[in-house]
N, C-alpha and C. Protein backbone atom coordinates (compact mmCIF):
# COMPACT_ATOMS: atom_id res chain seq x y z
N UNK A 1 6.38 196.85 -125.88
CA UNK A 1 7.09 197.74 -126.76
C UNK A 1 7.76 196.99 -127.91
N UNK A 2 7.45 195.74 -128.08
CA UNK A 2 8.01 194.98 -129.20
C UNK A 2 7.63 195.61 -130.53
N UNK A 3 6.46 196.23 -130.60
CA UNK A 3 6.01 196.84 -131.84
C UNK A 3 6.95 197.93 -132.31
N UNK A 4 7.67 198.57 -131.38
CA UNK A 4 8.62 199.63 -131.77
C UNK A 4 9.69 199.07 -132.69
N UNK A 5 10.10 197.85 -132.48
CA UNK A 5 11.12 197.23 -133.33
C UNK A 5 10.63 196.96 -134.74
N UNK A 6 9.34 196.94 -134.93
CA UNK A 6 8.78 196.57 -136.22
C UNK A 6 8.45 197.77 -137.11
N UNK A 7 8.53 198.96 -136.59
CA UNK A 7 8.18 200.12 -137.41
C UNK A 7 9.43 200.76 -138.00
N UNK A 8 9.26 201.45 -139.11
CA UNK A 8 10.40 202.06 -139.76
C UNK A 8 10.66 203.45 -139.20
N UNK A 9 11.78 204.02 -139.55
CA UNK A 9 12.22 205.28 -138.98
C UNK A 9 11.24 206.43 -139.14
N UNK A 10 10.65 206.57 -140.31
CA UNK A 10 9.73 207.68 -140.51
C UNK A 10 8.48 207.53 -139.66
N UNK A 11 8.03 206.30 -139.46
CA UNK A 11 6.87 206.07 -138.60
C UNK A 11 7.21 206.39 -137.15
N UNK A 12 8.42 206.00 -136.73
CA UNK A 12 8.83 206.32 -135.37
C UNK A 12 8.99 207.83 -135.20
N UNK A 13 9.53 208.50 -136.20
CA UNK A 13 9.66 209.95 -136.14
C UNK A 13 8.28 210.61 -136.01
N UNK A 14 7.33 210.15 -136.79
CA UNK A 14 5.97 210.69 -136.69
C UNK A 14 5.38 210.45 -135.31
N UNK A 15 5.56 209.24 -134.79
CA UNK A 15 5.08 208.94 -133.44
C UNK A 15 5.72 209.88 -132.43
N UNK A 16 7.04 210.00 -132.49
CA UNK A 16 7.76 210.81 -131.51
C UNK A 16 7.36 212.27 -131.59
N UNK A 17 7.37 212.84 -132.78
CA UNK A 17 7.19 214.29 -132.91
C UNK A 17 5.75 214.76 -132.95
N UNK A 18 4.83 213.93 -133.43
CA UNK A 18 3.47 214.41 -133.64
C UNK A 18 2.41 213.72 -132.80
N UNK A 19 2.54 212.43 -132.58
CA UNK A 19 1.45 211.70 -131.95
C UNK A 19 1.67 211.38 -130.48
N UNK A 20 2.90 211.16 -130.08
CA UNK A 20 3.15 210.63 -128.74
C UNK A 20 2.70 211.56 -127.62
N UNK A 21 2.99 212.85 -127.73
CA UNK A 21 2.60 213.75 -126.64
C UNK A 21 1.09 213.84 -126.45
N UNK A 22 0.31 214.05 -127.52
CA UNK A 22 -1.15 214.07 -127.30
C UNK A 22 -1.70 212.73 -126.79
N UNK A 23 -1.14 211.63 -127.27
CA UNK A 23 -1.63 210.32 -126.84
C UNK A 23 -1.27 210.05 -125.38
N UNK A 24 -0.07 210.41 -124.99
CA UNK A 24 0.41 210.09 -123.64
C UNK A 24 -0.04 211.08 -122.57
N UNK A 25 -0.54 212.25 -122.99
CA UNK A 25 -1.02 213.22 -122.02
C UNK A 25 -2.22 212.65 -121.27
N UNK A 26 -2.17 212.70 -119.98
CA UNK A 26 -3.22 212.13 -119.15
C UNK A 26 -3.01 210.66 -118.83
N UNK A 27 -2.10 210.01 -119.55
CA UNK A 27 -1.76 208.62 -119.27
C UNK A 27 -0.51 208.56 -118.40
N UNK A 28 0.52 209.29 -118.82
CA UNK A 28 1.74 209.36 -118.01
C UNK A 28 1.53 210.33 -116.86
N UNK A 29 2.09 210.02 -115.70
CA UNK A 29 2.09 211.03 -114.62
C UNK A 29 2.82 212.28 -115.10
N UNK A 30 2.46 213.44 -114.57
CA UNK A 30 2.96 214.70 -115.11
C UNK A 30 4.48 214.80 -115.10
N UNK A 31 5.15 214.29 -114.09
CA UNK A 31 6.62 214.36 -114.05
C UNK A 31 7.22 213.57 -115.21
N UNK A 32 6.67 212.42 -115.49
CA UNK A 32 7.17 211.59 -116.59
C UNK A 32 6.81 212.21 -117.94
N UNK A 33 5.64 212.79 -118.05
CA UNK A 33 5.22 213.44 -119.29
C UNK A 33 6.11 214.64 -119.59
N UNK A 34 6.39 215.44 -118.58
CA UNK A 34 7.28 216.59 -118.77
C UNK A 34 8.68 216.13 -119.16
N UNK A 35 9.16 215.09 -118.51
CA UNK A 35 10.48 214.54 -118.82
C UNK A 35 10.52 214.10 -120.28
N UNK A 36 9.55 213.35 -120.71
CA UNK A 36 9.49 212.87 -122.09
C UNK A 36 9.35 214.03 -123.07
N UNK A 37 8.59 215.06 -122.70
CA UNK A 37 8.40 216.19 -123.60
C UNK A 37 9.71 216.94 -123.85
N UNK A 38 10.64 216.90 -122.91
CA UNK A 38 11.96 217.50 -123.14
C UNK A 38 12.67 216.78 -124.28
N UNK A 39 12.60 215.48 -124.30
CA UNK A 39 13.21 214.70 -125.37
C UNK A 39 12.55 215.01 -126.71
N UNK A 40 11.23 215.02 -126.73
CA UNK A 40 10.50 215.29 -127.97
C UNK A 40 10.83 216.67 -128.50
N UNK A 41 10.85 217.68 -127.63
CA UNK A 41 11.15 219.04 -128.07
C UNK A 41 12.57 219.14 -128.62
N UNK A 42 13.53 218.54 -127.93
CA UNK A 42 14.92 218.61 -128.38
C UNK A 42 15.11 217.93 -129.74
N UNK A 43 14.54 216.76 -129.90
CA UNK A 43 14.67 216.05 -131.18
C UNK A 43 13.98 216.85 -132.29
N UNK A 44 12.82 217.40 -132.00
CA UNK A 44 12.13 218.23 -132.98
C UNK A 44 12.96 219.42 -133.41
N UNK A 45 13.62 220.07 -132.45
CA UNK A 45 14.48 221.21 -132.79
C UNK A 45 15.64 220.78 -133.67
N UNK A 46 16.27 219.68 -133.32
CA UNK A 46 17.45 219.23 -134.06
C UNK A 46 17.12 218.71 -135.45
N UNK A 47 15.88 218.30 -135.66
CA UNK A 47 15.46 217.85 -136.98
C UNK A 47 14.88 218.97 -137.83
N UNK A 48 14.82 220.17 -137.27
CA UNK A 48 14.25 221.30 -137.99
C UNK A 48 15.07 221.72 -139.19
N UNK A 49 14.47 222.51 -140.04
CA UNK A 49 15.13 222.93 -141.27
C UNK A 49 16.07 224.12 -141.05
N UNK A 50 15.85 224.90 -140.02
CA UNK A 50 16.69 226.06 -139.74
C UNK A 50 17.41 225.86 -138.42
N UNK A 51 18.51 225.19 -138.48
CA UNK A 51 19.28 224.86 -137.29
C UNK A 51 20.28 225.98 -137.01
N UNK A 52 20.07 226.69 -135.92
CA UNK A 52 20.97 227.78 -135.54
C UNK A 52 21.73 227.38 -134.28
N UNK A 53 22.71 228.16 -133.92
CA UNK A 53 23.46 227.86 -132.69
C UNK A 53 22.56 228.00 -131.47
N UNK A 54 21.60 228.91 -131.51
CA UNK A 54 20.65 229.06 -130.40
C UNK A 54 19.76 227.82 -130.27
N UNK A 55 19.34 227.30 -131.41
CA UNK A 55 18.52 226.09 -131.40
C UNK A 55 19.31 224.91 -130.85
N UNK A 56 20.54 224.80 -131.26
CA UNK A 56 21.39 223.71 -130.76
C UNK A 56 21.61 223.86 -129.26
N UNK A 57 21.84 225.09 -128.81
CA UNK A 57 22.03 225.32 -127.37
C UNK A 57 20.79 224.96 -126.57
N UNK A 58 19.62 225.35 -127.07
CA UNK A 58 18.36 225.04 -126.39
C UNK A 58 18.11 223.53 -126.37
N UNK A 59 18.37 222.87 -127.48
CA UNK A 59 18.21 221.41 -127.54
C UNK A 59 19.19 220.74 -126.59
N UNK A 60 20.39 221.26 -126.49
CA UNK A 60 21.38 220.72 -125.57
C UNK A 60 20.91 220.81 -124.12
N UNK A 61 20.32 221.94 -123.76
CA UNK A 61 19.79 222.10 -122.40
C UNK A 61 18.68 221.08 -122.15
N UNK A 62 17.78 220.93 -123.11
CA UNK A 62 16.67 219.99 -122.94
C UNK A 62 17.18 218.55 -122.83
N UNK A 63 18.16 218.19 -123.66
CA UNK A 63 18.70 216.82 -123.60
C UNK A 63 19.48 216.58 -122.31
N UNK A 64 20.20 217.58 -121.84
CA UNK A 64 20.89 217.45 -120.55
C UNK A 64 19.89 217.27 -119.42
N UNK A 65 18.80 218.05 -119.45
CA UNK A 65 17.75 217.90 -118.43
C UNK A 65 17.14 216.50 -118.50
N UNK A 66 16.89 216.04 -119.72
CA UNK A 66 16.32 214.71 -119.90
C UNK A 66 17.24 213.65 -119.30
N UNK A 67 18.52 213.71 -119.64
CA UNK A 67 19.47 212.70 -119.15
C UNK A 67 19.64 212.77 -117.64
N UNK A 68 19.74 213.96 -117.11
CA UNK A 68 20.00 214.10 -115.68
C UNK A 68 18.80 213.76 -114.81
N UNK A 69 17.60 213.80 -115.38
CA UNK A 69 16.40 213.43 -114.62
C UNK A 69 16.13 211.92 -114.66
N UNK A 70 16.87 211.20 -115.47
CA UNK A 70 16.64 209.75 -115.59
C UNK A 70 16.71 209.05 -114.24
N UNK A 71 17.76 209.30 -113.47
CA UNK A 71 17.91 208.58 -112.20
C UNK A 71 16.84 208.97 -111.20
N UNK A 72 16.40 210.24 -111.22
CA UNK A 72 15.34 210.67 -110.30
C UNK A 72 14.02 209.96 -110.58
N UNK A 73 13.74 209.75 -111.86
CA UNK A 73 12.46 209.17 -112.25
C UNK A 73 12.49 207.65 -112.35
N UNK A 74 13.60 207.10 -112.82
CA UNK A 74 13.65 205.68 -113.14
C UNK A 74 14.65 204.88 -112.30
N UNK A 75 15.39 205.56 -111.44
CA UNK A 75 16.38 204.88 -110.62
C UNK A 75 17.78 205.02 -111.20
N UNK A 76 18.75 204.84 -110.36
CA UNK A 76 20.13 205.06 -110.76
C UNK A 76 20.64 204.05 -111.78
N UNK A 77 19.96 202.94 -111.94
CA UNK A 77 20.37 201.96 -112.94
C UNK A 77 20.18 202.48 -114.37
N UNK A 78 19.41 203.55 -114.51
CA UNK A 78 19.07 204.05 -115.84
C UNK A 78 19.68 205.41 -116.14
N UNK A 79 20.68 205.82 -115.41
CA UNK A 79 21.26 207.15 -115.64
C UNK A 79 22.63 207.08 -116.30
N UNK A 80 22.87 206.09 -117.10
CA UNK A 80 24.18 205.90 -117.73
C UNK A 80 24.57 207.05 -118.65
N UNK A 81 23.60 207.78 -119.23
CA UNK A 81 23.92 208.82 -120.19
C UNK A 81 24.03 210.19 -119.56
N UNK A 82 23.82 210.30 -118.27
CA UNK A 82 23.94 211.59 -117.59
C UNK A 82 25.41 211.80 -117.22
N UNK A 83 26.06 212.69 -117.95
CA UNK A 83 27.49 212.91 -117.74
C UNK A 83 27.74 214.13 -116.88
């Protein structure tokens, strides 16, 4: 993942929002893919042009799910952001 440090923000945004899910589908186990897709969906919503309170609430649910599933999928050492 060293290459991630070498790309600029817009390239990372494109990877996250447009390319990562199709590329990772079938590579990641389904639980991990679904977990990651929650992050992608939430970030996509928050970067949208029409940000409403409903959109923020939905993104909040997705991000909370993402954070709270960290320890189940990756171990308790990685759940620092689950409040």
